[in-house]
Each structure stands twice: as structure tokens, then as C-alpha cells.
Amino acid sequence: MINAQGQLSADTGAQESYSISELSREFEVTTRTIRFYEDEGLLRPERVGRQRVYSPGDRIRLKLILRGKRLGFSLSEIGDIIQMYDSTPGESGQLSYFIDRIQQRRHALQQQHDDIEVTLRELNHIEKQCRQQLQGLD
């Protein structure tokens, strides 16, 4: 673990800071991915000299970013979610916005699911026809 002064320190259980390589290993992403999220303004680590030092809050933000990407949210939407994480709890407007985004994403996923089902039925039908034609050639 790296302390706020940029020095290696013993692990005491609850980590106060993380290096980019520690987060990269933990979340199985490249350091370039983490730097990209920094460039997009989604992460803002402290710097000790030239070294990035990530706080527990940065770690949580990275976890939110990766979860949001896995769920199909855009980086802009993920940024909005992170702003909610950083702001005062209990903001009804923010929660309503987030609920709306969830509903929109759910609708888009349901549409994709329906499209996949139709495509699978079509593929099954075509495969069946091909197998019948193949049997007719034997």
C-alpha cells in the first residue's frame, strides 16, 4: 500500500490509499483504462510527485464506473451517478433522475432481448431448413 506521502507502508486492514497498479490488479483493468477515466474527469487521484495516489473514494468511484459500464450506461450517465455519490444524500431530484436512467436502460435491454429472441427463432428456422435440404441430398 502507498501512504499519502508516496511511501510503501504495511497493510493494516483498511487501506487509506491505492496505487494505480493495485487498482488495476484488483479490478482487472489496465492502467490505461484507469488513466482514461481520469482524462474523462471520472476519477481525480491526488498526486505525490509524478505518482497517482487513489483514495478509498476513488476506489469506490472506479467500482461504480465499471459497474455502470457493465450495465451499459454511457460515461456521461456514469458521471451523473458519481456526482450523486459525491453529493449530499437525500436529493430527491437526483434519485428521480437515477430512477429514470435505470428505467430507460431496462427498456433498452428489454428491446435488445426481444430482438435477440426474434433473431434466434429466425436462425433456428433457417438451420432447420438447411438440415432438411442436406438430408434430401443424401
N, C-alpha and C. Protein backbone atom coordinates (compact mmCIF):
# COMPACT_ATOMS: atom_id res chain seq x y z
N MET A 1 0.85 -1.17 0.00
CA MET A 1 0.00 0.00 0.00
C MET A 1 0.89 1.23 0.00
N ILE A 2 0.42 2.30 -0.61
CA ILE A 2 1.16 3.56 -0.66
C ILE A 2 0.46 4.55 0.25
N ASN A 3 1.21 5.19 1.14
CA ASN A 3 0.60 6.19 2.02
C ASN A 3 0.55 7.53 1.31
N ALA A 4 -0.04 8.52 1.96
CA ALA A 4 -0.24 9.83 1.34
C ALA A 4 1.08 10.51 0.98
N GLN A 5 2.16 10.10 1.61
CA GLN A 5 3.47 10.67 1.30
C GLN A 5 4.15 9.94 0.14
N GLY A 6 3.47 8.95 -0.41
CA GLY A 6 4.02 8.22 -1.54
C GLY A 6 4.97 7.11 -1.15
N GLN A 7 4.96 6.73 0.12
CA GLN A 7 5.85 5.69 0.60
C GLN A 7 5.09 4.40 0.80
N LEU A 8 5.78 3.30 0.59
CA LEU A 8 5.18 1.99 0.83
C LEU A 8 5.00 1.80 2.32
N SER A 9 3.82 1.32 2.74
CA SER A 9 3.57 1.09 4.16
C SER A 9 2.93 -0.28 4.33
N ALA A 10 2.96 -0.77 5.56
CA ALA A 10 2.39 -2.09 5.86
C ALA A 10 0.88 -2.04 5.78
N ASP A 11 0.27 -3.14 5.36
CA ASP A 11 -1.19 -3.24 5.26
C ASP A 11 -1.76 -3.43 6.66
N THR A 12 -2.66 -2.53 7.05
CA THR A 12 -3.27 -2.61 8.37
C THR A 12 -4.72 -3.05 8.29
N GLY A 13 -5.16 -3.54 7.14
CA GLY A 13 -6.54 -3.98 7.00
C GLY A 13 -7.33 -2.99 6.18
N ALA A 14 -7.54 -1.79 6.70
CA ALA A 14 -8.29 -0.76 5.98
C ALA A 14 -7.28 0.14 5.29
N GLN A 15 -7.26 0.07 3.98
CA GLN A 15 -6.28 0.83 3.23
C GLN A 15 -6.70 2.28 3.11
N GLU A 16 -5.74 3.19 3.25
CA GLU A 16 -6.01 4.62 3.12
C GLU A 16 -5.79 5.11 1.71
N SER A 17 -4.93 4.43 0.95
CA SER A 17 -4.68 4.84 -0.42
C SER A 17 -4.24 3.65 -1.25
N TYR A 18 -4.32 3.84 -2.57
CA TYR A 18 -4.02 2.76 -3.51
C TYR A 18 -3.19 3.32 -4.65
N SER A 19 -2.33 2.50 -5.19
CA SER A 19 -1.60 2.88 -6.40
C SER A 19 -2.44 2.48 -7.61
N ILE A 20 -2.07 3.00 -8.76
CA ILE A 20 -2.80 2.66 -9.98
C ILE A 20 -2.65 1.17 -10.29
N SER A 21 -1.49 0.61 -10.01
CA SER A 21 -1.30 -0.82 -10.29
C SER A 21 -2.12 -1.69 -9.33
N GLU A 22 -2.29 -1.25 -8.08
CA GLU A 22 -3.13 -2.01 -7.14
C GLU A 22 -4.58 -2.04 -7.63
N LEU A 23 -5.09 -0.87 -8.05
CA LEU A 23 -6.47 -0.83 -8.54
C LEU A 23 -6.61 -1.62 -9.84
N SER A 24 -5.60 -1.52 -10.68
CA SER A 24 -5.61 -2.25 -11.94
C SER A 24 -5.72 -3.76 -11.70
N ARG A 25 -4.93 -4.25 -10.77
CA ARG A 25 -4.98 -5.69 -10.44
C ARG A 25 -6.31 -6.06 -9.79
N GLU A 26 -6.75 -5.25 -8.82
CA GLU A 26 -7.98 -5.58 -8.10
C GLU A 26 -9.18 -5.68 -9.03
N PHE A 27 -9.30 -4.72 -9.95
CA PHE A 27 -10.48 -4.66 -10.81
C PHE A 27 -10.26 -5.28 -12.19
N GLU A 28 -9.05 -5.82 -12.40
CA GLU A 28 -8.72 -6.50 -13.65
C GLU A 28 -8.95 -5.61 -14.87
N VAL A 29 -8.43 -4.38 -14.78
CA VAL A 29 -8.45 -3.45 -15.90
C VAL A 29 -7.02 -2.95 -16.09
N THR A 30 -6.75 -2.40 -17.25
CA THR A 30 -5.40 -1.88 -17.50
C THR A 30 -5.22 -0.53 -16.82
N THR A 31 -3.97 -0.17 -16.60
CA THR A 31 -3.70 1.16 -16.05
C THR A 31 -4.14 2.22 -17.05
N ARG A 32 -4.06 1.91 -18.33
CA ARG A 32 -4.52 2.85 -19.37
C ARG A 32 -6.01 3.12 -19.22
N THR A 33 -6.79 2.10 -18.88
CA THR A 33 -8.23 2.28 -18.66
C THR A 33 -8.47 3.25 -17.51
N ILE A 34 -7.74 3.07 -16.44
CA ILE A 34 -7.90 3.96 -15.27
C ILE A 34 -7.51 5.38 -15.65
N ARG A 35 -6.40 5.54 -16.39
CA ARG A 35 -6.00 6.89 -16.82
C ARG A 35 -7.04 7.51 -17.76
N PHE A 36 -7.67 6.68 -18.59
CA PHE A 36 -8.73 7.18 -19.47
C PHE A 36 -9.88 7.75 -18.64
N TYR A 37 -10.28 7.05 -17.59
CA TYR A 37 -11.35 7.55 -16.73
C TYR A 37 -10.93 8.85 -16.04
N GLU A 38 -9.65 8.99 -15.74
CA GLU A 38 -9.15 10.25 -15.21
C GLU A 38 -9.29 11.35 -16.26
N ASP A 39 -8.87 11.05 -17.48
CA ASP A 39 -8.96 12.04 -18.57
C ASP A 39 -10.40 12.49 -18.79
N GLU A 40 -11.34 11.58 -18.56
CA GLU A 40 -12.76 11.90 -18.73
C GLU A 40 -13.34 12.63 -17.51
N GLY A 41 -12.52 12.82 -16.48
CA GLY A 41 -12.97 13.53 -15.28
C GLY A 41 -13.74 12.68 -14.29
N LEU A 42 -13.74 11.37 -14.48
CA LEU A 42 -14.49 10.49 -13.59
C LEU A 42 -13.70 10.11 -12.34
N LEU A 43 -12.39 10.18 -12.43
CA LEU A 43 -11.52 9.92 -11.28
C LEU A 43 -10.57 11.10 -11.12
N ARG A 44 -10.28 11.46 -9.87
CA ARG A 44 -9.37 12.57 -9.61
C ARG A 44 -8.42 12.20 -8.46
N PRO A 45 -7.41 11.37 -8.77
CA PRO A 45 -6.49 10.98 -7.70
C PRO A 45 -5.58 12.14 -7.29
N GLU A 46 -5.08 12.06 -6.08
CA GLU A 46 -4.06 13.00 -5.64
C GLU A 46 -2.76 12.60 -6.33
N ARG A 47 -1.82 13.50 -6.33
CA ARG A 47 -0.51 13.17 -6.89
C ARG A 47 0.56 13.47 -5.84
N VAL A 48 1.47 12.54 -5.74
CA VAL A 48 2.65 12.73 -4.91
C VAL A 48 3.82 12.66 -5.88
N GLY A 49 4.35 13.82 -6.22
CA GLY A 49 5.34 13.87 -7.29
C GLY A 49 4.63 13.52 -8.59
N ARG A 50 5.13 12.51 -9.26
CA ARG A 50 4.50 12.07 -10.51
C ARG A 50 3.59 10.87 -10.30
N GLN A 51 3.53 10.38 -9.07
CA GLN A 51 2.75 9.17 -8.78
C GLN A 51 1.31 9.50 -8.40
N ARG A 52 0.39 8.74 -8.96
CA ARG A 52 -1.02 8.88 -8.61
C ARG A 52 -1.28 8.15 -7.30
N VAL A 53 -2.05 8.78 -6.42
CA VAL A 53 -2.42 8.15 -5.16
C VAL A 53 -3.94 8.21 -5.08
N TYR A 54 -4.56 7.03 -5.08
CA TYR A 54 -6.01 6.92 -5.10
C TYR A 54 -6.55 6.71 -3.69
N SER A 55 -7.60 7.43 -3.37
CA SER A 55 -8.24 7.32 -2.05
C SER A 55 -9.27 6.19 -2.07
N PRO A 56 -9.79 5.81 -0.90
CA PRO A 56 -10.89 4.84 -0.88
C PRO A 56 -12.09 5.33 -1.70
N GLY A 57 -12.33 6.65 -1.71
CA GLY A 57 -13.41 7.20 -2.52
C GLY A 57 -13.16 7.00 -4.01
N ASP A 58 -11.90 7.17 -4.44
CA ASP A 58 -11.55 6.91 -5.84
C ASP A 58 -11.79 5.44 -6.19
N ARG A 59 -11.47 4.56 -5.25
CA ARG A 59 -11.68 3.13 -5.46
C ARG A 59 -13.16 2.84 -5.66
N ILE A 60 -14.00 3.46 -4.84
CA ILE A 60 -15.46 3.27 -4.97
C ILE A 60 -15.94 3.84 -6.30
N ARG A 61 -15.41 5.01 -6.68
CA ARG A 61 -15.80 5.60 -7.96
C ARG A 61 -15.44 4.66 -9.12
N LEU A 62 -14.23 4.08 -9.06
CA LEU A 62 -13.83 3.14 -10.11
C LEU A 62 -14.78 1.95 -10.14
N LYS A 63 -15.16 1.47 -8.99
CA LYS A 63 -16.11 0.35 -8.92
C LYS A 63 -17.45 0.76 -9.55
N LEU A 64 -17.91 1.99 -9.27
CA LEU A 64 -19.16 2.48 -9.86
C LEU A 64 -19.04 2.62 -11.38
N ILE A 65 -17.89 3.11 -11.84
CA ILE A 65 -17.66 3.27 -13.28
C ILE A 65 -17.75 1.91 -13.97
N LEU A 66 -17.04 0.94 -13.43
CA LEU A 66 -17.01 -0.38 -14.06
C LEU A 66 -18.36 -1.06 -14.00
N ARG A 67 -19.07 -0.89 -12.91
CA ARG A 67 -20.42 -1.46 -12.81
C ARG A 67 -21.34 -0.77 -13.81
N GLY A 68 -21.25 0.55 -13.92
CA GLY A 68 -22.07 1.29 -14.87
C GLY A 68 -21.80 0.86 -16.30
N LYS A 69 -20.51 0.67 -16.65
CA LYS A 69 -20.16 0.22 -17.99
C LYS A 69 -20.74 -1.17 -18.24
N ARG A 70 -20.63 -2.05 -17.25
CA ARG A 70 -21.16 -3.41 -17.39
C ARG A 70 -22.67 -3.39 -17.61
N LEU A 71 -23.35 -2.42 -17.00
CA LEU A 71 -24.80 -2.31 -17.15
C LEU A 71 -25.20 -1.56 -18.41
N GLY A 72 -24.21 -1.03 -19.14
CA GLY A 72 -24.49 -0.38 -20.40
C GLY A 72 -24.72 1.12 -20.33
N PHE A 73 -24.39 1.74 -19.20
CA PHE A 73 -24.55 3.19 -19.10
C PHE A 73 -23.41 3.88 -19.85
N SER A 74 -23.70 5.06 -20.39
CA SER A 74 -22.67 5.85 -21.06
C SER A 74 -21.76 6.49 -20.00
N LEU A 75 -20.59 6.97 -20.42
CA LEU A 75 -19.70 7.64 -19.48
C LEU A 75 -20.35 8.89 -18.91
N SER A 76 -21.15 9.57 -19.71
CA SER A 76 -21.86 10.75 -19.23
C SER A 76 -22.84 10.38 -18.11
N GLU A 77 -23.59 9.31 -18.33
CA GLU A 77 -24.53 8.85 -17.30
C GLU A 77 -23.79 8.39 -16.05
N ILE A 78 -22.66 7.72 -16.26
CA ILE A 78 -21.86 7.28 -15.12
C ILE A 78 -21.35 8.49 -14.35
N GLY A 79 -20.96 9.54 -15.07
CA GLY A 79 -20.54 10.78 -14.41
C GLY A 79 -21.65 11.35 -13.54
N ASP A 80 -22.88 11.31 -14.04
CA ASP A 80 -24.02 11.78 -13.25
C ASP A 80 -24.21 10.93 -12.00
N ILE A 81 -24.04 9.63 -12.14
CA ILE A 81 -24.18 8.73 -10.99
C ILE A 81 -23.10 9.04 -9.95
N ILE A 82 -21.89 9.29 -10.42
CA ILE A 82 -20.79 9.60 -9.50
C ILE A 82 -21.06 10.93 -8.79
N GLN A 83 -21.62 11.89 -9.51
CA GLN A 83 -21.98 13.16 -8.86
C GLN A 83 -22.97 12.93 -7.74
N MET A 84 -23.91 12.02 -7.96
CA MET A 84 -24.86 11.70 -6.89
C MET A 84 -24.14 11.07 -5.71
N TYR A 85 -23.18 10.22 -5.99
CA TYR A 85 -22.39 9.59 -4.93
C TYR A 85 -21.66 10.65 -4.12
N ASP A 86 -21.13 11.67 -4.82
CA ASP A 86 -20.34 12.71 -4.15
C ASP A 86 -21.19 13.76 -3.46
N SER A 87 -22.47 13.87 -3.80
CA SER A 87 -23.30 14.95 -3.25
C SER A 87 -23.99 14.54 -1.96
N THR A 88 -24.71 15.48 -1.40
CA THR A 88 -25.44 15.25 -0.16
C THR A 88 -26.53 14.22 -0.38
N PRO A 89 -26.61 13.22 0.50
CA PRO A 89 -27.67 12.21 0.37
C PRO A 89 -29.06 12.82 0.53
N GLY A 90 -30.03 12.19 -0.08
CA GLY A 90 -31.41 12.61 0.10
C GLY A 90 -31.92 13.61 -0.92
N GLU A 91 -31.17 13.85 -1.97
CA GLU A 91 -31.62 14.76 -3.02
C GLU A 91 -32.64 14.04 -3.89
N SER A 92 -33.91 14.41 -3.77
CA SER A 92 -34.96 13.69 -4.49
C SER A 92 -34.82 13.84 -6.01
N GLY A 93 -34.38 15.00 -6.47
CA GLY A 93 -34.20 15.20 -7.90
C GLY A 93 -33.16 14.26 -8.48
N GLN A 94 -32.08 14.07 -7.73
CA GLN A 94 -31.02 13.18 -8.19
C GLN A 94 -31.50 11.74 -8.23
N LEU A 95 -32.22 11.35 -7.19
CA LEU A 95 -32.73 9.98 -7.15
C LEU A 95 -33.75 9.75 -8.27
N SER A 96 -34.59 10.74 -8.52
CA SER A 96 -35.57 10.62 -9.61
C SER A 96 -34.86 10.48 -10.95
N TYR A 97 -33.81 11.27 -11.14
CA TYR A 97 -33.03 11.21 -12.37
C TYR A 97 -32.43 9.81 -12.53
N PHE A 98 -31.87 9.28 -11.45
CA PHE A 98 -31.24 7.96 -11.50
C PHE A 98 -32.28 6.88 -11.79
N ILE A 99 -33.44 6.97 -11.17
CA ILE A 99 -34.52 6.01 -11.43
C ILE A 99 -34.92 6.06 -12.90
N ASP A 100 -35.01 7.27 -13.45
CA ASP A 100 -35.35 7.44 -14.86
C ASP A 100 -34.31 6.77 -15.76
N ARG A 101 -33.02 6.98 -15.45
CA ARG A 101 -31.95 6.35 -16.23
C ARG A 101 -32.05 4.82 -16.15
N ILE A 102 -32.33 4.31 -14.96
CA ILE A 102 -32.47 2.86 -14.78
C ILE A 102 -33.62 2.33 -15.64
N GLN A 103 -34.75 3.03 -15.61
CA GLN A 103 -35.91 2.59 -16.39
C GLN A 103 -35.60 2.62 -17.89
N GLN A 104 -34.91 3.67 -18.33
CA GLN A 104 -34.54 3.76 -19.74
C GLN A 104 -33.60 2.62 -20.14
N ARG A 105 -32.64 2.33 -19.28
CA ARG A 105 -31.69 1.25 -19.57
C ARG A 105 -32.41 -0.09 -19.59
N ARG A 106 -33.32 -0.30 -18.62
CA ARG A 106 -34.08 -1.55 -18.58
C ARG A 106 -34.89 -1.71 -19.86
N HIS A 107 -35.53 -0.62 -20.32
CA HIS A 107 -36.32 -0.67 -21.55
C HIS A 107 -35.42 -1.03 -22.75
N ALA A 108 -34.25 -0.41 -22.83
CA ALA A 108 -33.33 -0.70 -23.94
C ALA A 108 -32.88 -2.16 -23.90
N LEU A 109 -32.59 -2.66 -22.71
CA LEU A 109 -32.18 -4.06 -22.58
C LEU A 109 -33.31 -5.01 -22.95
N GLN A 110 -34.53 -4.66 -22.57
CA GLN A 110 -35.68 -5.50 -22.92
C GLN A 110 -35.86 -5.54 -24.43
N GLN A 111 -35.68 -4.38 -25.08
CA GLN A 111 -35.78 -4.33 -26.54
C GLN A 111 -34.70 -5.20 -27.18
N GLN A 112 -33.47 -5.12 -26.66
CA GLN A 112 -32.40 -5.96 -27.18
C GLN A 112 -32.73 -7.44 -26.97
N HIS A 113 -33.26 -7.76 -25.81
CA HIS A 113 -33.65 -9.14 -25.50
C HIS A 113 -34.68 -9.63 -26.51
N ASP A 114 -35.69 -8.80 -26.77
CA ASP A 114 -36.73 -9.17 -27.73
C ASP A 114 -36.14 -9.37 -29.12
N ASP A 115 -35.24 -8.47 -29.53
CA ASP A 115 -34.59 -8.58 -30.84
C ASP A 115 -33.77 -9.86 -30.93
N ILE A 116 -33.08 -10.20 -29.87
CA ILE A 116 -32.28 -11.43 -29.85
C ILE A 116 -33.18 -12.65 -29.98
N GLU A 117 -34.31 -12.63 -29.28
CA GLU A 117 -35.25 -13.76 -29.35
C GLU A 117 -35.74 -13.95 -30.78
N VAL A 118 -36.09 -12.87 -31.46
CA VAL A 118 -36.55 -12.95 -32.85
C VAL A 118 -35.44 -13.51 -33.73
N THR A 119 -34.23 -13.00 -33.56
CA THR A 119 -33.10 -13.46 -34.36
C THR A 119 -32.83 -14.94 -34.13
N LEU A 120 -32.89 -15.38 -32.88
CA LEU A 120 -32.69 -16.80 -32.57
C LEU A 120 -33.75 -17.68 -33.23
N ARG A 121 -34.99 -17.23 -33.21
CA ARG A 121 -36.06 -18.00 -33.88
C ARG A 121 -35.78 -18.10 -35.38
N GLU A 122 -35.37 -16.98 -35.98
CA GLU A 122 -35.06 -16.99 -37.41
C GLU A 122 -33.90 -17.93 -37.72
N LEU A 123 -32.86 -17.87 -36.89
CA LEU A 123 -31.71 -18.76 -37.09
C LEU A 123 -32.11 -20.22 -36.95
N ASN A 124 -32.93 -20.53 -35.97
CA ASN A 124 -33.40 -21.91 -35.79
C ASN A 124 -34.18 -22.38 -37.01
N HIS A 125 -35.02 -21.50 -37.55
CA HIS A 125 -35.82 -21.84 -38.73
C HIS A 125 -34.91 -22.10 -39.93
N ILE A 126 -33.94 -21.21 -40.14
CA ILE A 126 -33.02 -21.37 -41.27
C ILE A 126 -32.19 -22.64 -41.12
N GLU A 127 -31.71 -22.90 -39.89
CA GLU A 127 -30.93 -24.12 -39.65
C GLU A 127 -31.77 -25.36 -39.95
N LYS A 128 -33.02 -25.34 -39.53
CA LYS A 128 -33.91 -26.49 -39.77
C LYS A 128 -34.07 -26.72 -41.27
N GLN A 129 -34.28 -25.63 -42.03
CA GLN A 129 -34.42 -25.75 -43.48
C GLN A 129 -33.14 -26.31 -44.11
N CYS A 130 -32.00 -25.83 -43.65
CA CYS A 130 -30.72 -26.31 -44.20
C CYS A 130 -30.52 -27.79 -43.90
N ARG A 131 -30.87 -28.21 -42.70
CA ARG A 131 -30.73 -29.63 -42.33
C ARG A 131 -31.66 -30.50 -43.19
N GLN A 132 -32.87 -30.01 -43.45
CA GLN A 132 -33.81 -30.76 -44.29
C GLN A 132 -33.27 -30.88 -45.71
N GLN A 133 -32.72 -29.78 -46.23
CA GLN A 133 -32.15 -29.82 -47.58
C GLN A 133 -30.95 -30.76 -47.63
N LEU A 134 -30.14 -30.75 -46.57
CA LEU A 134 -28.97 -31.62 -46.50
C LEU A 134 -29.39 -33.09 -46.49
N GLN A 135 -30.44 -33.41 -45.77
CA GLN A 135 -30.94 -34.79 -45.73
C GLN A 135 -31.45 -35.20 -47.11
N GLY A 136 -32.04 -34.27 -47.83
CA GLY A 136 -32.55 -34.57 -49.16
C GLY A 136 -31.43 -34.84 -50.15
N LEU A 137 -30.23 -34.37 -49.89
CA LEU A 137 -29.08 -34.60 -50.77
C LEU A 137 -28.45 -35.96 -50.54
N ASP A 138 -28.69 -36.56 -49.41
CA ASP A 138 -28.08 -37.87 -49.08
C ASP A 138 -28.74 -39.00 -49.77
